[in-house]
Amino acid sequence: MNPALPLVGRILLTLVTGTAGYFGKLGLPMPDLLVWLVIAIELGGALLILIGWKTRLVAWIMAIFTVATAVIGHKFWVDPSQATQFLKNLAITGGFIMLAFAGPGRLSVDKA
């Protein structure tokens, strides 16, 4: 195993603390727990889309989740500096909607 991998893992884990702090600033309940729920949704959704299992359903769920995160986390109407992040989330949502309509393609667990 590459000796740098544990270091990279520790660095990435510390980023969760920053996210939990941001969730706390937003006034979200239980930010330390909520950050792990968000990670589970994002990683789980990404892995399911990657392998192509229940792709259309997962794409719709991720589209809804991404709009929710845009509205909750990137309130450009309160903080104009969040406009780019809000629009980024809307663009990602568009990609999920396209995937929901187009399906996963032939190289997937699903049958397109």
PDB file of N, CA and C in Angstrom:
ATOM      1  N   MET A   1       0.837  -1.178   0.000  1.00  0.00           N
ATOM      2  CA  MET A   1       0.000   0.000   0.000  1.00  0.00           C
ATOM      3  C   MET A   1       0.884   1.243   0.000  1.00  0.00           C
ATOM      4  N   ASN A   2       0.454   2.229  -0.727  1.00  0.00           N
ATOM      5  CA  ASN A   2       1.166   3.491  -0.791  1.00  0.00           C
ATOM      6  C   ASN A   2       1.115   4.164   0.577  1.00  0.00           C
ATOM      7  N   PRO A   3       2.255   4.562   1.149  1.00  0.00           N
ATOM      8  CA  PRO A   3       2.258   5.154   2.486  1.00  0.00           C
ATOM      9  C   PRO A   3       1.548   6.507   2.553  1.00  0.00           C
ATOM     10  N   ALA A   4       1.313   7.142   1.426  1.00  0.00           N
ATOM     11  CA  ALA A   4       0.627   8.435   1.430  1.00  0.00           C
ATOM     12  C   ALA A   4      -0.885   8.285   1.573  1.00  0.00           C
ATOM     13  N   LEU A   5      -1.435   7.088   1.311  1.00  0.00           N
ATOM     14  CA  LEU A   5      -2.885   6.907   1.362  1.00  0.00           C
ATOM     15  C   LEU A   5      -3.498   7.204   2.732  1.00  0.00           C
ATOM     16  N   PRO A   6      -2.914   6.740   3.841  1.00  0.00           N
ATOM     17  CA  PRO A   6      -3.500   7.099   5.139  1.00  0.00           C
ATOM     18  C   PRO A   6      -3.522   8.611   5.383  1.00  0.00           C
ATOM     19  N   LEU A   7      -2.471   9.292   4.930  1.00  0.00           N
ATOM     20  CA  LEU A   7      -2.433  10.744   5.068  1.00  0.00           C
ATOM     21  C   LEU A   7      -3.564  11.386   4.272  1.00  0.00           C
ATOM     22  N   VAL A   8      -3.731  10.957   3.036  1.00  0.00           N
ATOM     23  CA  VAL A   8      -4.805  11.497   2.198  1.00  0.00           C
ATOM     24  C   VAL A   8      -6.162  11.226   2.847  1.00  0.00           C
ATOM     25  N   GLY A   9      -6.348  10.025   3.366  1.00  0.00           N
ATOM     26  CA  GLY A   9      -7.600   9.682   4.038  1.00  0.00           C
ATOM     27  C   GLY A   9      -7.873  10.580   5.227  1.00  0.00           C
ATOM     28  N   ARG A  10      -6.855  10.846   6.036  1.00  0.00           N
ATOM     29  CA  ARG A  10      -7.037  11.719   7.201  1.00  0.00           C
ATOM     30  C   ARG A  10      -7.374  13.131   6.777  1.00  0.00           C
ATOM     31  N   ILE A  11      -6.721  13.602   5.739  1.00  0.00           N
ATOM     32  CA  ILE A  11      -7.006  14.952   5.237  1.00  0.00           C
ATOM     33  C   ILE A  11      -8.459  15.042   4.774  1.00  0.00           C
ATOM     34  N   LEU A  12      -8.887  14.045   4.015  1.00  0.00           N
ATOM     35  CA  LEU A  12     -10.255  14.061   3.515  1.00  0.00           C
ATOM     36  C   LEU A  12     -11.277  13.982   4.657  1.00  0.00           C
ATOM     37  N   LEU A  13     -10.974  13.210   5.677  1.00  0.00           N
ATOM     38  CA  LEU A  13     -11.881  13.124   6.819  1.00  0.00           C
ATOM     39  C   LEU A  13     -12.005  14.449   7.563  1.00  0.00           C
ATOM     40  N   THR A  14     -10.954  15.231   7.592  1.00  0.00           N
ATOM     41  CA  THR A  14     -11.029  16.519   8.283  1.00  0.00           C
ATOM     42  C   THR A  14     -11.897  17.509   7.528  1.00  0.00           C
ATOM     43  N   LEU A  15     -12.078  17.303   6.239  1.00  0.00           N
ATOM     44  CA  LEU A  15     -12.958  18.183   5.474  1.00  0.00           C
ATOM     45  C   LEU A  15     -14.395  18.069   5.943  1.00  0.00           C
ATOM     46  N   VAL A  16     -14.767  16.923   6.494  1.00  0.00           N
ATOM     47  CA  VAL A  16     -16.117  16.725   7.018  1.00  0.00           C
ATOM     48  C   VAL A  16     -16.389  17.721   8.136  1.00  0.00           C
ATOM     49  N   THR A  17     -15.387  18.011   8.956  1.00  0.00           N
ATOM     50  CA  THR A  17     -15.556  18.956  10.049  1.00  0.00           C
ATOM     51  C   THR A  17     -15.934  20.326   9.507  1.00  0.00           C
ATOM     52  N   GLY A  18     -15.298  20.744   8.445  1.00  0.00           N
ATOM     53  CA  GLY A  18     -15.636  22.026   7.835  1.00  0.00           C
ATOM     54  C   GLY A  18     -17.057  22.043   7.303  1.00  0.00           C
ATOM     55  N   THR A  19     -17.489  20.937   6.726  1.00  0.00           N
ATOM     56  CA  THR A  19     -18.850  20.845   6.213  1.00  0.00           C
ATOM     57  C   THR A  19     -19.853  20.887   7.348  1.00  0.00           C
ATOM     58  N   ALA A  20     -19.571  20.175   8.428  1.00  0.00           N
ATOM     59  CA  ALA A  20     -20.462  20.194   9.587  1.00  0.00           C
ATOM     60  C   ALA A  20     -20.552  21.608  10.159  1.00  0.00           C
ATOM     61  N   GLY A  21     -19.437  22.310  10.191  1.00  0.00           N
ATOM     62  CA  GLY A  21     -19.442  23.696  10.654  1.00  0.00           C
ATOM     63  C   GLY A  21     -20.304  24.583   9.773  1.00  0.00           C
ATOM     64  N   TYR A  22     -20.216  24.369   8.468  1.00  0.00           N
ATOM     65  CA  TYR A  22     -21.047  25.134   7.528  1.00  0.00           C
ATOM     66  C   TYR A  22     -22.520  24.825   7.753  1.00  0.00           C
ATOM     67  N   PHE A  23     -22.844  23.534   7.946  1.00  0.00           N
ATOM     68  CA  PHE A  23     -24.233  23.153   8.225  1.00  0.00           C
ATOM     69  C   PHE A  23     -24.717  23.833   9.501  1.00  0.00           C
ATOM     70  N   GLY A  24     -23.852  23.924  10.505  1.00  0.00           N
ATOM     71  CA  GLY A  24     -24.209  24.599  11.750  1.00  0.00           C
ATOM     72  C   GLY A  24     -24.501  26.073  11.529  1.00  0.00           C
ATOM     73  N   LYS A  25     -23.672  26.726  10.700  1.00  0.00           N
ATOM     74  CA  LYS A  25     -23.902  28.139  10.386  1.00  0.00           C
ATOM     75  C   LYS A  25     -25.222  28.353   9.655  1.00  0.00           C
ATOM     76  N   LEU A  26     -25.639  27.345   8.875  1.00  0.00           N
ATOM     77  CA  LEU A  26     -26.907  27.445   8.167  1.00  0.00           C
ATOM     78  C   LEU A  26     -28.102  27.247   9.094  1.00  0.00           C
ATOM     79  N   GLY A  27     -27.820  26.806  10.321  1.00  0.00           N
ATOM     80  CA  GLY A  27     -28.891  26.570  11.278  1.00  0.00           C
ATOM     81  C   GLY A  27     -29.550  25.202  11.132  1.00  0.00           C
ATOM     82  N   LEU A  28     -28.882  24.290  10.438  1.00  0.00           N
ATOM     83  CA  LEU A  28     -29.444  22.952  10.257  1.00  0.00           C
ATOM     84  C   LEU A  28     -29.320  22.160  11.550  1.00  0.00           C
ATOM     85  N   PRO A  29     -30.297  21.312  11.855  1.00  0.00           N
ATOM     86  CA  PRO A  29     -30.240  20.542  13.095  1.00  0.00           C
ATOM     87  C   PRO A  29     -29.186  19.433  13.020  1.00  0.00           C
ATOM     88  N   MET A  30     -28.571  19.147  14.127  1.00  0.00           N
ATOM     89  CA  MET A  30     -27.584  18.071  14.273  1.00  0.00           C
ATOM     90  C   MET A  30     -26.575  18.039  13.118  1.00  0.00           C
ATOM     91  N   PRO A  31     -25.822  19.097  12.917  1.00  0.00           N
ATOM     92  CA  PRO A  31     -24.917  19.155  11.761  1.00  0.00           C
ATOM     93  C   PRO A  31     -23.872  18.044  11.738  1.00  0.00           C
ATOM     94  N   ASP A  32     -23.412  17.602  12.918  1.00  0.00           N
ATOM     95  CA  ASP A  32     -22.407  16.535  12.947  1.00  0.00           C
ATOM     96  C   ASP A  32     -22.964  15.213  12.439  1.00  0.00           C
ATOM     97  N   LEU A  33     -24.237  14.967  12.654  1.00  0.00           N
ATOM     98  CA  LEU A  33     -24.890  13.761  12.140  1.00  0.00           C
ATOM     99  C   LEU A  33     -25.338  13.966  10.693  1.00  0.00           C
ATOM    100  N   LEU A  34     -25.841  15.146  10.414  1.00  0.00           N
ATOM    101  CA  LEU A  34     -26.361  15.440   9.074  1.00  0.00           C
ATOM    102  C   LEU A  34     -25.281  15.328   8.005  1.00  0.00           C
ATOM    103  N   VAL A  35     -24.065  15.709   8.331  1.00  0.00           N
ATOM    104  CA  VAL A  35     -22.990  15.628   7.346  1.00  0.00           C
ATOM    105  C   VAL A  35     -22.771  14.184   6.900  1.00  0.00           C
ATOM    106  N   TRP A  36     -22.889  13.229   7.822  1.00  0.00           N
ATOM    107  CA  TRP A  36     -22.710  11.818   7.459  1.00  0.00           C
ATOM    108  C   TRP A  36     -23.878  11.315   6.621  1.00  0.00           C
ATOM    109  N   LEU A  37     -25.077  11.811   6.881  1.00  0.00           N
ATOM    110  CA  LEU A  37     -26.232  11.451   6.057  1.00  0.00           C
ATOM    111  C   LEU A  37     -26.046  11.955   4.629  1.00  0.00           C
ATOM    112  N   VAL A  38     -25.587  13.183   4.505  1.00  0.00           N
ATOM    113  CA  VAL A  38     -25.335  13.761   3.180  1.00  0.00           C
ATOM    114  C   VAL A  38     -24.253  12.973   2.448  1.00  0.00           C
ATOM    115  N   ILE A  39     -23.192  12.610   3.145  1.00  0.00           N
ATOM    116  CA  ILE A  39     -22.123  11.817   2.529  1.00  0.00           C
ATOM    117  C   ILE A  39     -22.682  10.487   2.043  1.00  0.00           C
ATOM    118  N   ALA A  40     -23.510   9.849   2.857  1.00  0.00           N
ATOM    119  CA  ALA A  40     -24.095   8.559   2.469  1.00  0.00           C
ATOM    120  C   ALA A  40     -24.966   8.701   1.226  1.00  0.00           C
ATOM    121  N   ILE A  41     -25.767   9.749   1.170  1.00  0.00           N
ATOM    122  CA  ILE A  41     -26.633   9.969   0.003  1.00  0.00           C
ATOM    123  C   ILE A  41     -25.782  10.221  -1.237  1.00  0.00           C
ATOM    124  N   GLU A  42     -24.794  11.093  -1.111  1.00  0.00           N
ATOM    125  CA  GLU A  42     -23.975  11.434  -2.276  1.00  0.00           C
ATOM    126  C   GLU A  42     -23.136  10.252  -2.757  1.00  0.00           C
ATOM    127  N   LEU A  43     -22.498   9.552  -1.840  1.00  0.00           N
ATOM    128  CA  LEU A  43     -21.688   8.399  -2.244  1.00  0.00           C
ATOM    129  C   LEU A  43     -22.558   7.253  -2.744  1.00  0.00           C
ATOM    130  N   GLY A  44     -23.635   6.978  -2.019  1.00  0.00           N
ATOM    131  CA  GLY A  44     -24.542   5.905  -2.440  1.00  0.00           C
ATOM    132  C   GLY A  44     -25.138   6.172  -3.806  1.00  0.00           C
ATOM    133  N   GLY A  45     -25.621   7.384  -4.005  1.00  0.00           N
ATOM    134  CA  GLY A  45     -26.191   7.748  -5.308  1.00  0.00           C
ATOM    135  C   GLY A  45     -25.162   7.669  -6.419  1.00  0.00           C
ATOM    136  N   ALA A  46     -23.960   8.148  -6.135  1.00  0.00           N
ATOM    137  CA  ALA A  46     -22.904   8.122  -7.149  1.00  0.00           C
ATOM    138  C   ALA A  46     -22.538   6.691  -7.527  1.00  0.00           C
ATOM    139  N   LEU A  47     -22.412   5.825  -6.530  1.00  0.00           N
ATOM    140  CA  LEU A  47     -22.054   4.431  -6.814  1.00  0.00           C
ATOM    141  C   LEU A  47     -23.156   3.710  -7.585  1.00  0.00           C
ATOM    142  N   LEU A  48     -24.417   3.951  -7.215  1.00  0.00           N
ATOM    143  CA  LEU A  48     -25.519   3.310  -7.931  1.00  0.00           C
ATOM    144  C   LEU A  48     -25.594   3.787  -9.379  1.00  0.00           C
ATOM    145  N   ILE A  49     -25.363   5.072  -9.600  1.00  0.00           N
ATOM    146  CA  ILE A  49     -25.356   5.596 -10.971  1.00  0.00           C
ATOM    147  C   ILE A  49     -24.162   5.036 -11.732  1.00  0.00           C
ATOM    148  N   LEU A  50     -23.020   4.944 -11.076  1.00  0.00           N
ATOM    149  CA  LEU A  50     -21.815   4.414 -11.729  1.00  0.00           C
ATOM    150  C   LEU A  50     -22.020   2.995 -12.238  1.00  0.00           C
ATOM    151  N   ILE A  51     -22.614   2.136 -11.417  1.00  0.00           N
ATOM    152  CA  ILE A  51     -22.826   0.760 -11.864  1.00  0.00           C
ATOM    153  C   ILE A  51     -24.094   0.604 -12.694  1.00  0.00           C
ATOM    154  N   GLY A  52     -24.946   1.623 -12.646  1.00  0.00           N
ATOM    155  CA  GLY A  52     -26.151   1.576 -13.461  1.00  0.00           C
ATOM    156  C   GLY A  52     -27.259   0.730 -12.865  1.00  0.00           C
ATOM    157  N   TRP A  53     -27.437   0.783 -11.546  1.00  0.00           N
ATOM    158  CA  TRP A  53     -28.505   0.024 -10.896  1.00  0.00           C
ATOM    159  C   TRP A  53     -29.616   0.976 -10.480  1.00  0.00           C
ATOM    160  N   LYS A  54     -30.834   0.715 -10.957  1.00  0.00           N
ATOM    161  CA  LYS A  54     -31.987   1.595 -10.676  1.00  0.00           C
ATOM    162  C   LYS A  54     -31.655   3.040 -11.060  1.00  0.00           C
ATOM    163  N   THR A  55     -31.020   3.185 -12.195  1.00  0.00           N
ATOM    164  CA  THR A  55     -30.462   4.471 -12.601  1.00  0.00           C
ATOM    165  C   THR A  55     -31.503   5.572 -12.700  1.00  0.00           C
ATOM    166  N   ARG A  56     -32.624   5.285 -13.327  1.00  0.00           N
ATOM    167  CA  ARG A  56     -33.642   6.334 -13.502  1.00  0.00           C
ATOM    168  C   ARG A  56     -34.175   6.818 -12.156  1.00  0.00           C
ATOM    169  N   LEU A  57     -34.484   5.890 -11.265  1.00  0.00           N
ATOM    170  CA  LEU A  57     -34.983   6.258  -9.941  1.00  0.00           C
ATOM    171  C   LEU A  57     -33.927   7.021  -9.151  1.00  0.00           C
ATOM    172  N   VAL A  58     -32.711   6.511  -9.142  1.00  0.00           N
ATOM    173  CA  VAL A  58     -31.632   7.167  -8.399  1.00  0.00           C
ATOM    174  C   VAL A  58     -31.354   8.554  -8.978  1.00  0.00           C
ATOM    175  N   ALA A  59     -31.413   8.701 -10.282  1.00  0.00           N
ATOM    176  CA  ALA A  59     -31.194  10.013 -10.905  1.00  0.00           C
ATOM    177  C   ALA A  59     -32.262  11.011 -10.456  1.00  0.00           C
ATOM    178  N   TRP A  60     -33.509  10.574 -10.370  1.00  0.00           N
ATOM    179  CA  TRP A  60     -34.579  11.460  -9.879  1.00  0.00           C
ATOM    180  C   TRP A  60     -34.344  11.830  -8.415  1.00  0.00           C
ATOM    181  N   ILE A  61     -33.972  10.849  -7.607  1.00  0.00           N
ATOM    182  CA  ILE A  61     -33.702  11.125  -6.189  1.00  0.00           C
ATOM    183  C   ILE A  61     -32.551  12.116  -6.055  1.00  0.00           C
ATOM    184  N   MET A  62     -31.496  11.916  -6.826  1.00  0.00           N
ATOM    185  CA  MET A  62     -30.349  12.816  -6.755  1.00  0.00           C
ATOM    186  C   MET A  62     -30.699  14.211  -7.287  1.00  0.00           C
ATOM    187  N   ALA A  63     -31.573  14.281  -8.295  1.00  0.00           N
ATOM    188  CA  ALA A  63     -32.010  15.588  -8.801  1.00  0.00           C
ATOM    189  C   ALA A  63     -32.746  16.356  -7.704  1.00  0.00           C
ATOM    190  N   ILE A  64     -33.657  15.683  -7.022  1.00  0.00           N
ATOM    191  CA  ILE A  64     -34.403  16.327  -5.936  1.00  0.00           C
ATOM    192  C   ILE A  64     -33.462  16.733  -4.804  1.00  0.00           C
ATOM    193  N   PHE A  65     -32.553  15.841  -4.445  1.00  0.00           N
ATOM    194  CA  PHE A  65     -31.571  16.127  -3.400  1.00  0.00           C
ATOM    195  C   PHE A  65     -30.714  17.338  -3.781  1.00  0.00           C
ATOM    196  N   THR A  66     -30.302  17.429  -5.037  1.00  0.00           N
ATOM    197  CA  THR A  66     -29.433  18.517  -5.476  1.00  0.00           C
ATOM    198  C   THR A  66     -30.163  19.851  -5.476  1.00  0.00           C
ATOM    199  N   VAL A  67     -31.438  19.853  -5.858  1.00  0.00           N
ATOM    200  CA  VAL A  67     -32.231  21.086  -5.772  1.00  0.00           C
ATOM    201  C   VAL A  67     -32.382  21.493  -4.305  1.00  0.00           C
ATOM    202  N   ALA A  68     -32.650  20.519  -3.441  1.00  0.00           N
ATOM    203  CA  ALA A  68     -32.798  20.819  -2.014  1.00  0.00           C
ATOM    204  C   ALA A  68     -31.517  21.419  -1.446  1.00  0.00           C
ATOM    205  N   THR A  69     -30.364  20.858  -1.819  1.00  0.00           N
ATOM    206  CA  THR A  69     -29.110  21.410  -1.313  1.00  0.00           C
ATOM    207  C   THR A  69     -28.856  22.806  -1.859  1.00  0.00           C
ATOM    208  N   ALA A  70     -29.297  23.068  -3.079  1.00  0.00           N
ATOM    209  CA  ALA A  70     -29.141  24.407  -3.646  1.00  0.00           C
ATOM    210  C   ALA A  70     -29.962  25.415  -2.846  1.00  0.00           C
ATOM    211  N   VAL A  71     -31.206  25.058  -2.567  1.00  0.00           N
ATOM    212  CA  VAL A  71     -32.105  25.978  -1.868  1.00  0.00           C
ATOM    213  C   VAL A  71     -31.680  26.164  -0.411  1.00  0.00           C
ATOM    214  N   ILE A  72     -31.247  25.086   0.238  1.00  0.00           N
ATOM    215  CA  ILE A  72     -30.867  25.155   1.657  1.00  0.00           C
ATOM    216  C   ILE A  72     -29.462  25.726   1.838  1.00  0.00           C
ATOM    217  N   GLY A  73     -28.530  25.327   0.993  1.00  0.00           N
ATOM    218  CA  GLY A  73     -27.135  25.661   1.227  1.00  0.00           C
ATOM    219  C   GLY A  73     -26.566  26.810   0.425  1.00  0.00           C
ATOM    220  N   HIS A  74     -27.258  27.228  -0.617  1.00  0.00           N
ATOM    221  CA  HIS A  74     -26.694  28.277  -1.486  1.00  0.00           C
ATOM    222  C   HIS A  74     -27.727  29.368  -1.742  1.00  0.00           C
ATOM    223  N   LYS A  75     -28.131  30.032  -0.675  1.00  0.00           N
ATOM    224  CA  LYS A  75     -29.180  31.054  -0.729  1.00  0.00           C
ATOM    225  C   LYS A  75     -28.624  32.346  -1.339  1.00  0.00           C
ATOM    226  N   PHE A  76     -28.600  32.397  -2.661  1.00  0.00           N
ATOM    227  CA  PHE A  76     -28.035  33.564  -3.339  1.00  0.00           C
ATOM    228  C   PHE A  76     -28.874  34.815  -3.101  1.00  0.00           C
ATOM    229  N   TRP A  77     -30.139  34.659  -2.751  1.00  0.00           N
ATOM    230  CA  TRP A  77     -31.002  35.809  -2.483  1.00  0.00           C
ATOM    231  C   TRP A  77     -30.655  36.455  -1.137  1.00  0.00           C
ATOM    232  N   VAL A  78     -29.931  35.728  -0.274  1.00  0.00           N
ATOM    233  CA  VAL A  78     -29.445  36.267   0.991  1.00  0.00           C
ATOM    234  C   VAL A  78     -27.983  36.683   0.842  1.00  0.00           C
ATOM    235  N   ASP A  79     -27.197  35.844   0.175  1.00  0.00           N
ATOM    236  CA  ASP A  79     -25.763  36.067  -0.016  1.00  0.00           C
ATOM    237  C   ASP A  79     -25.451  35.943  -1.504  1.00  0.00           C
ATOM    238  N   PRO A  80     -25.325  37.077  -2.209  1.00  0.00           N
ATOM    239  CA  PRO A  80     -25.091  37.027  -3.655  1.00  0.00           C
ATOM    240  C   PRO A  80     -23.861  36.221  -4.070  1.00  0.00           C
ATOM    241  N   SER A  81     -22.892  36.026  -3.163  1.00  0.00           N
ATOM    242  CA  SER A  81     -21.709  35.250  -3.517  1.00  0.00           C
ATOM    243  C   SER A  81     -22.036  33.765  -3.699  1.00  0.00           C
ATOM    244  N   GLN A  82     -23.229  33.334  -3.323  1.00  0.00           N
ATOM    245  CA  GLN A  82     -23.646  31.942  -3.474  1.00  0.00           C
ATOM    246  C   GLN A  82     -24.308  31.664  -4.825  1.00  0.00           C
ATOM    247  N   ALA A  83     -24.459  32.692  -5.654  1.00  0.00           N
ATOM    248  CA  ALA A  83     -25.165  32.520  -6.932  1.00  0.00           C
ATOM    249  C   ALA A  83     -24.507  31.467  -7.819  1.00  0.00           C
ATOM    250  N   THR A  84     -23.197  31.477  -7.908  1.00  0.00           N
ATOM    251  CA  THR A  84     -22.499  30.506  -8.753  1.00  0.00           C
ATOM    252  C   THR A  84     -22.729  29.088  -8.252  1.00  0.00           C
ATOM    253  N   GLN A  85     -22.659  28.894  -6.944  1.00  0.00           N
ATOM    254  CA  GLN A  85     -22.878  27.560  -6.379  1.00  0.00           C
ATOM    255  C   GLN A  85     -24.321  27.102  -6.595  1.00  0.00           C
ATOM    256  N   PHE A  86     -25.258  28.024  -6.472  1.00  0.00           N
ATOM    257  CA  PHE A  86     -26.661  27.699  -6.711  1.00  0.00           C
ATOM    258  C   PHE A  86     -26.864  27.262  -8.161  1.00  0.00           C
ATOM    259  N   LEU A  87     -26.324  28.032  -9.094  1.00  0.00           N
ATOM    260  CA  LEU A  87     -26.454  27.696 -10.513  1.00  0.00           C
ATOM    261  C   LEU A  87     -25.729  26.400 -10.857  1.00  0.00           C
ATOM    262  N   LYS A  88     -24.607  26.134 -10.192  1.00  0.00           N
ATOM    263  CA  LYS A  88     -23.896  24.863 -10.375  1.00  0.00           C
ATOM    264  C   LYS A  88     -24.796  23.693  -9.998  1.00  0.00           C
ATOM    265  N   ASN A  89     -25.483  23.832  -8.872  1.00  0.00           N
ATOM    266  CA  ASN A  89     -26.399  22.768  -8.449  1.00  0.00           C
ATOM    267  C   ASN A  89     -27.536  22.581  -9.451  1.00  0.00           C
ATOM    268  N   LEU A  90     -28.041  23.674  -9.998  1.00  0.00           N
ATOM    269  CA  LEU A  90     -29.102  23.549 -11.003  1.00  0.00           C
ATOM    270  C   LEU A  90     -28.583  22.854 -12.258  1.00  0.00           C
ATOM    271  N   ALA A  91     -27.346  23.130 -12.652  1.00  0.00           N
ATOM    272  CA  ALA A  91     -26.765  22.456 -13.819  1.00  0.00           C
ATOM    273  C   ALA A  91     -26.597  20.961 -13.554  1.00  0.00           C
ATOM    274  N   ILE A  92     -26.147  20.614 -12.366  1.00  0.00           N
ATOM    275  CA  ILE A  92     -26.019  19.201 -12.004  1.00  0.00           C
ATOM    276  C   ILE A  92     -27.390  18.536 -12.016  1.00  0.00           C
ATOM    277  N   THR A  93     -28.393  19.243 -11.511  1.00  0.00           N
ATOM    278  CA  THR A  93     -29.766  18.727 -11.527  1.00  0.00           C
ATOM    279  C   THR A  93     -30.203  18.432 -12.952  1.00  0.00           C
ATOM    280  N   GLY A  94     -29.876  19.313 -13.879  1.00  0.00           N
ATOM    281  CA  GLY A  94     -30.205  19.081 -15.288  1.00  0.00           C
ATOM    282  C   GLY A  94     -29.582  17.801 -15.803  1.00  0.00           C
ATOM    283  N   GLY A  95     -28.348  17.534 -15.401  1.00  0.00           N
ATOM    284  CA  GLY A  95     -27.689  16.291 -15.799  1.00  0.00           C
ATOM    285  C   GLY A  95     -28.400  15.073 -15.235  1.00  0.00           C
ATOM    286  N   PHE A  96     -28.825  15.150 -13.981  1.00  0.00           N
ATOM    287  CA  PHE A  96     -29.564  14.031 -13.383  1.00  0.00           C
ATOM    288  C   PHE A  96     -30.900  13.809 -14.086  1.00  0.00           C
ATOM    289  N   ILE A  97     -31.574  14.891 -14.449  1.00  0.00           N
ATOM    290  CA  ILE A  97     -32.859  14.753 -15.150  1.00  0.00           C
ATOM    291  C   ILE A  97     -32.647  14.124 -16.525  1.00  0.00           C
ATOM    292  N   MET A  98     -31.602  14.543 -17.229  1.00  0.00           N
ATOM    293  CA  MET A  98     -31.296  13.931 -18.525  1.00  0.00           C
ATOM    294  C   MET A  98     -31.020  12.441 -18.363  1.00  0.00           C
ATOM    295  N   LEU A  99     -30.275  12.066 -17.322  1.00  0.00           N
ATOM    296  CA  LEU A  99     -29.986  10.666 -17.057  1.00  0.00           C
ATOM    297  C   LEU A  99     -31.263   9.896 -16.720  1.00  0.00           C
ATOM    298  N   ALA A 100     -32.154  10.534 -15.978  1.00  0.00           N
ATOM    299  CA  ALA A 100     -33.428   9.881 -15.634  1.00  0.00           C
ATOM    300  C   ALA A 100     -34.244   9.586 -16.889  1.00  0.00           C
ATOM    301  N   PHE A 101     -34.220  10.478 -17.859  1.00  0.00           N
ATOM    302  CA  PHE A 101     -34.971  10.256 -19.091  1.00  0.00           C
ATOM    303  C   PHE A 101     -34.249   9.324 -20.060  1.00  0.00           C
ATOM    304  N   ALA A 102     -32.939   9.464 -20.170  1.00  0.00           N
ATOM    305  CA  ALA A 102     -32.190   8.659 -21.150  1.00  0.00           C
ATOM    306  C   ALA A 102     -31.898   7.247 -20.657  1.00  0.00           C
ATOM    307  N   GLY A 103     -31.800   7.072 -19.345  1.00  0.00           N
ATOM    308  CA  GLY A 103     -31.453   5.769 -18.810  1.00  0.00           C
ATOM    309  C   GLY A 103     -29.954   5.556 -18.821  1.00  0.00           C
ATOM    310  N   PRO A 104     -29.542   4.401 -18.325  1.00  0.00           N
ATOM    311  CA  PRO A 104     -28.108   4.158 -18.115  1.00  0.00           C
ATOM    312  C   PRO A 104     -27.337   3.710 -19.339  1.00  0.00           C
ATOM    313  N   GLY A 105     -28.004   3.299 -20.390  1.00  0.00           N
ATOM    314  CA  GLY A 105     -27.294   2.754 -21.545  1.00  0.00           C
ATOM    315  C   GLY A 105     -27.108   1.259 -21.405  1.00  0.00           C
ATOM    316  N   ARG A 106     -26.503   0.669 -22.403  1.00  0.00           N
ATOM    317  CA  ARG A 106     -26.367  -0.796 -22.440  1.00  0.00           C
ATOM    318  C   ARG A 106     -25.375  -1.359 -21.447  1.00  0.00           C
ATOM    319  N   LEU A 107     -24.322  -0.590 -21.142  1.00  0.00           N
ATOM    320  CA  LEU A 107     -23.281  -1.090 -20.242  1.00  0.00           C
ATOM    321  C   LEU A 107     -23.628  -0.725 -18.797  1.00  0.00           C
ATOM    322  N   SER A 108     -24.622  -1.401 -18.243  1.00  0.00           N
ATOM    323  CA  SER A 108     -25.053  -1.143 -16.876  1.00  0.00           C
ATOM    324  C   SER A 108     -25.737  -2.378 -16.321  1.00  0.00           C
ATOM    325  N   VAL A 109     -25.995  -2.371 -15.049  1.00  0.00           N
ATOM    326  CA  VAL A 109     -26.732  -3.452 -14.405  1.00  0.00           C
ATOM    327  C   VAL A 109     -28.178  -3.414 -14.865  1.00  0.00           C
ATOM    328  N   ASP A 110     -28.735  -2.201 -15.015  1.00  0.00           N
ATOM    329  CA  ASP A 110     -30.092  -2.052 -15.520  1.00  0.00           C
ATOM    330  C   ASP A 110     -30.173  -2.462 -16.979  1.00  0.00           C
ATOM    331  N   LYS A 111     -31.345  -2.743 -17.409  1.00  0.00           N
ATOM    332  CA  LYS A 111     -31.596  -2.923 -18.844  1.00  0.00           C
ATOM    333  C   LYS A 111     -32.262  -1.652 -19.342  1.00  0.00           C
ATOM    334  N   ALA A 112     -31.523  -0.890 -20.151  1.00  0.00           N
ATOM    335  CA  ALA A 112     -32.027   0.393 -20.646  1.00  0.00           C
ATOM    336  C   ALA A 112     -33.283   0.158 -21.420  1.00  0.00           C
TER     337      ALA A 112
END
